[in-house]
Amino acid sequence: MRNLTLLLFICGALFAGAQLAGAGDASKGSDIAKAYGCEVCHHKDLDGKKEVRIKNDLMAFRDGGRTRPPSMVRKAQNLSDEDISNLAAYFSGK
């Protein structure tokens, strides 16, 4: 029983650490969104969306999984993984 408790504790700590490692900085995301003009087209439709959905969509545009609209492909090609995490944190937190 004691080993099982220790194992569960370690797994929980590893999971929590992995979650924190992928967390973006909403303040930096705000700066990126302003620089890229995200809200010119998207207005408020990204506000409150799930962070993972925003990340997946942006990575798909950047990596070629999505090709329309071309304007998103062009903009996303310049985003790093960190930029994507920051944008996702910003929009999901609004």
C-alpha atoms as a PDB file:
ATOM      1  CA  MET A   1       0.000   0.000   0.000  1.00  0.00           C
ATOM      2  CA  ARG A   2       2.826   2.328   0.879  1.00  0.00           C
ATOM      3  CA  ASN A   3       4.513   1.755  -2.509  1.00  0.00           C
ATOM      4  CA  LEU A   4       1.258   2.431  -4.339  1.00  0.00           C
ATOM      5  CA  THR A   5       0.801   5.728  -2.484  1.00  0.00           C
ATOM      6  CA  LEU A   6       4.355   6.761  -3.331  1.00  0.00           C
ATOM      7  CA  LEU A   7       3.873   5.798  -6.973  1.00  0.00           C
ATOM      8  CA  LEU A   8       0.650   7.815  -7.227  1.00  0.00           C
ATOM      9  CA  PHE A   9       2.346  10.813  -5.614  1.00  0.00           C
ATOM     10  CA  ILE A  10       5.256  10.677  -8.068  1.00  0.00           C
ATOM     11  CA  CYS A  11       2.931  10.323 -11.078  1.00  0.00           C
ATOM     12  CA  GLY A  12       0.845  13.252  -9.898  1.00  0.00           C
ATOM     13  CA  ALA A  13       3.925  15.422  -9.424  1.00  0.00           C
ATOM     14  CA  LEU A  14       5.234  14.538 -12.882  1.00  0.00           C
ATOM     15  CA  PHE A  15       1.862  15.291 -14.464  1.00  0.00           C
ATOM     16  CA  ALA A  16       1.603  18.660 -12.702  1.00  0.00           C
ATOM     17  CA  GLY A  17       5.132  19.553 -13.780  1.00  0.00           C
ATOM     18  CA  ALA A  18       4.362  18.686 -17.385  1.00  0.00           C
ATOM     19  CA  GLN A  19       1.266  20.867 -17.294  1.00  0.00           C
ATOM     20  CA  LEU A  20       3.214  23.828 -15.939  1.00  0.00           C
ATOM     21  CA  ALA A  21       6.023  23.404 -18.452  1.00  0.00           C
ATOM     22  CA  GLY A  22       3.581  23.889 -21.333  1.00  0.00           C
ATOM     23  CA  ALA A  23       1.843  26.892 -19.836  1.00  0.00           C
ATOM     24  CA  GLY A  24       2.126  30.085 -21.814  1.00  0.00           C
ATOM     25  CA  ASP A  25       2.489  33.672 -20.702  1.00  0.00           C
ATOM     26  CA  ALA A  26      -0.751  35.562 -21.386  1.00  0.00           C
ATOM     27  CA  SER A  27       0.990  38.948 -21.178  1.00  0.00           C
ATOM     28  CA  LYS A  28       3.424  37.955 -23.924  1.00  0.00           C
ATOM     29  CA  GLY A  29       0.520  36.467 -25.859  1.00  0.00           C
ATOM     30  CA  SER A  30      -1.255  39.812 -25.708  1.00  0.00           C
ATOM     31  CA  ASP A  31       1.798  41.521 -27.201  1.00  0.00           C
ATOM     32  CA  ILE A  32       2.009  38.935 -29.995  1.00  0.00           C
ATOM     33  CA  ALA A  33      -1.726  39.223 -30.729  1.00  0.00           C
ATOM     34  CA  LYS A  34      -1.390  42.998 -31.072  1.00  0.00           C
ATOM     35  CA  ALA A  35       1.694  42.725 -33.278  1.00  0.00           C
ATOM     36  CA  TYR A  36       0.017  40.191 -35.587  1.00  0.00           C
ATOM     37  CA  GLY A  37      -3.359  41.949 -35.590  1.00  0.00           C
ATOM     38  CA  CYS A  38      -5.234  38.807 -34.515  1.00  0.00           C
ATOM     39  CA  GLU A  39      -8.265  40.688 -33.240  1.00  0.00           C
ATOM     40  CA  VAL A  40      -8.712  42.585 -36.514  1.00  0.00           C
ATOM     41  CA  CYS A  41     -10.183  39.431 -38.043  1.00  0.00           C
ATOM     42  CA  HIS A  42     -11.091  37.355 -35.021  1.00  0.00           C
ATOM     43  CA  HIS A  43     -12.657  40.105 -32.880  1.00  0.00           C
ATOM     44  CA  LYS A  44     -13.815  38.171 -29.805  1.00  0.00           C
ATOM     45  CA  ASP A  45     -14.348  34.701 -31.290  1.00  0.00           C
ATOM     46  CA  LEU A  46     -11.109  33.320 -29.768  1.00  0.00           C
ATOM     47  CA  ASP A  47     -11.857  34.597 -26.270  1.00  0.00           C
ATOM     48  CA  GLY A  48     -12.312  31.764 -23.788  1.00  0.00           C
ATOM     49  CA  LYS A  49     -11.582  28.936 -26.235  1.00  0.00           C
ATOM     50  CA  LYS A  50      -9.753  25.960 -24.812  1.00  0.00           C
ATOM     51  CA  GLU A  51      -6.012  26.480 -24.748  1.00  0.00           C
ATOM     52  CA  VAL A  52      -5.284  23.114 -26.340  1.00  0.00           C
ATOM     53  CA  ARG A  53      -7.618  23.859 -29.256  1.00  0.00           C
ATOM     54  CA  ILE A  54      -5.904  27.177 -29.981  1.00  0.00           C
ATOM     55  CA  LYS A  55      -2.477  25.514 -29.801  1.00  0.00           C
ATOM     56  CA  ASN A  56      -3.536  22.670 -32.096  1.00  0.00           C
ATOM     57  CA  ASP A  57      -5.067  25.027 -34.644  1.00  0.00           C
ATOM     58  CA  LEU A  58      -2.045  27.321 -34.741  1.00  0.00           C
ATOM     59  CA  MET A  59       0.364  24.393 -35.036  1.00  0.00           C
ATOM     60  CA  ALA A  60      -1.727  22.948 -37.872  1.00  0.00           C
ATOM     61  CA  PHE A  61      -1.537  26.264 -39.748  1.00  0.00           C
ATOM     62  CA  ARG A  62       2.197  26.525 -39.097  1.00  0.00           C
ATOM     63  CA  ASP A  63       3.068  22.926 -39.912  1.00  0.00           C
ATOM     64  CA  GLY A  64       0.899  22.539 -43.024  1.00  0.00           C
ATOM     65  CA  GLY A  65      -2.012  20.553 -41.587  1.00  0.00           C
ATOM     66  CA  ARG A  66      -4.383  23.392 -42.424  1.00  0.00           C
ATOM     67  CA  THR A  67      -4.028  25.487 -45.561  1.00  0.00           C
ATOM     68  CA  ARG A  68      -7.000  27.835 -45.410  1.00  0.00           C
ATOM     69  CA  PRO A  69      -7.215  30.720 -45.011  1.00  0.00           C
ATOM     70  CA  PRO A  70      -3.829  31.501 -46.567  1.00  0.00           C
ATOM     71  CA  SER A  71      -3.453  34.589 -44.374  1.00  0.00           C
ATOM     72  CA  MET A  72      -3.372  32.368 -41.267  1.00  0.00           C
ATOM     73  CA  VAL A  73      -0.816  30.047 -42.848  1.00  0.00           C
ATOM     74  CA  ARG A  74       1.471  33.004 -43.612  1.00  0.00           C
ATOM     75  CA  LYS A  75       1.181  34.423 -40.103  1.00  0.00           C
ATOM     76  CA  ALA A  76       1.500  31.100 -38.297  1.00  0.00           C
ATOM     77  CA  GLN A  77       4.667  30.128 -40.184  1.00  0.00           C
ATOM     78  CA  ASN A  78       6.568  32.704 -38.125  1.00  0.00           C
ATOM     79  CA  LEU A  79       5.324  31.481 -34.730  1.00  0.00           C
ATOM     80  CA  SER A  80       7.556  29.490 -32.404  1.00  0.00           C
ATOM     81  CA  ASP A  81       6.150  26.875 -30.023  1.00  0.00           C
ATOM     82  CA  GLU A  82       6.560  29.420 -27.232  1.00  0.00           C
ATOM     83  CA  ASP A  83       4.642  32.065 -29.223  1.00  0.00           C
ATOM     84  CA  ILE A  84       1.816  29.585 -29.773  1.00  0.00           C
ATOM     85  CA  SER A  85       1.670  28.720 -26.065  1.00  0.00           C
ATOM     86  CA  ASN A  86       1.619  32.408 -25.179  1.00  0.00           C
ATOM     87  CA  LEU A  87      -1.170  33.195 -27.652  1.00  0.00           C
ATOM     88  CA  ALA A  88      -3.199  30.228 -26.406  1.00  0.00           C
ATOM     89  CA  ALA A  89      -2.788  31.374 -22.799  1.00  0.00           C
ATOM     90  CA  TYR A  90      -3.850  34.897 -23.726  1.00  0.00           C
ATOM     91  CA  PHE A  91      -6.991  34.016 -25.666  1.00  0.00           C
ATOM     92  CA  SER A  92      -8.124  31.166 -23.436  1.00  0.00           C
ATOM     93  CA  GLY A  93      -7.873  33.434 -20.403  1.00  0.00           C
ATOM     94  CA  LYS A  94     -10.064  36.198 -21.815  1.00  0.00           C
END
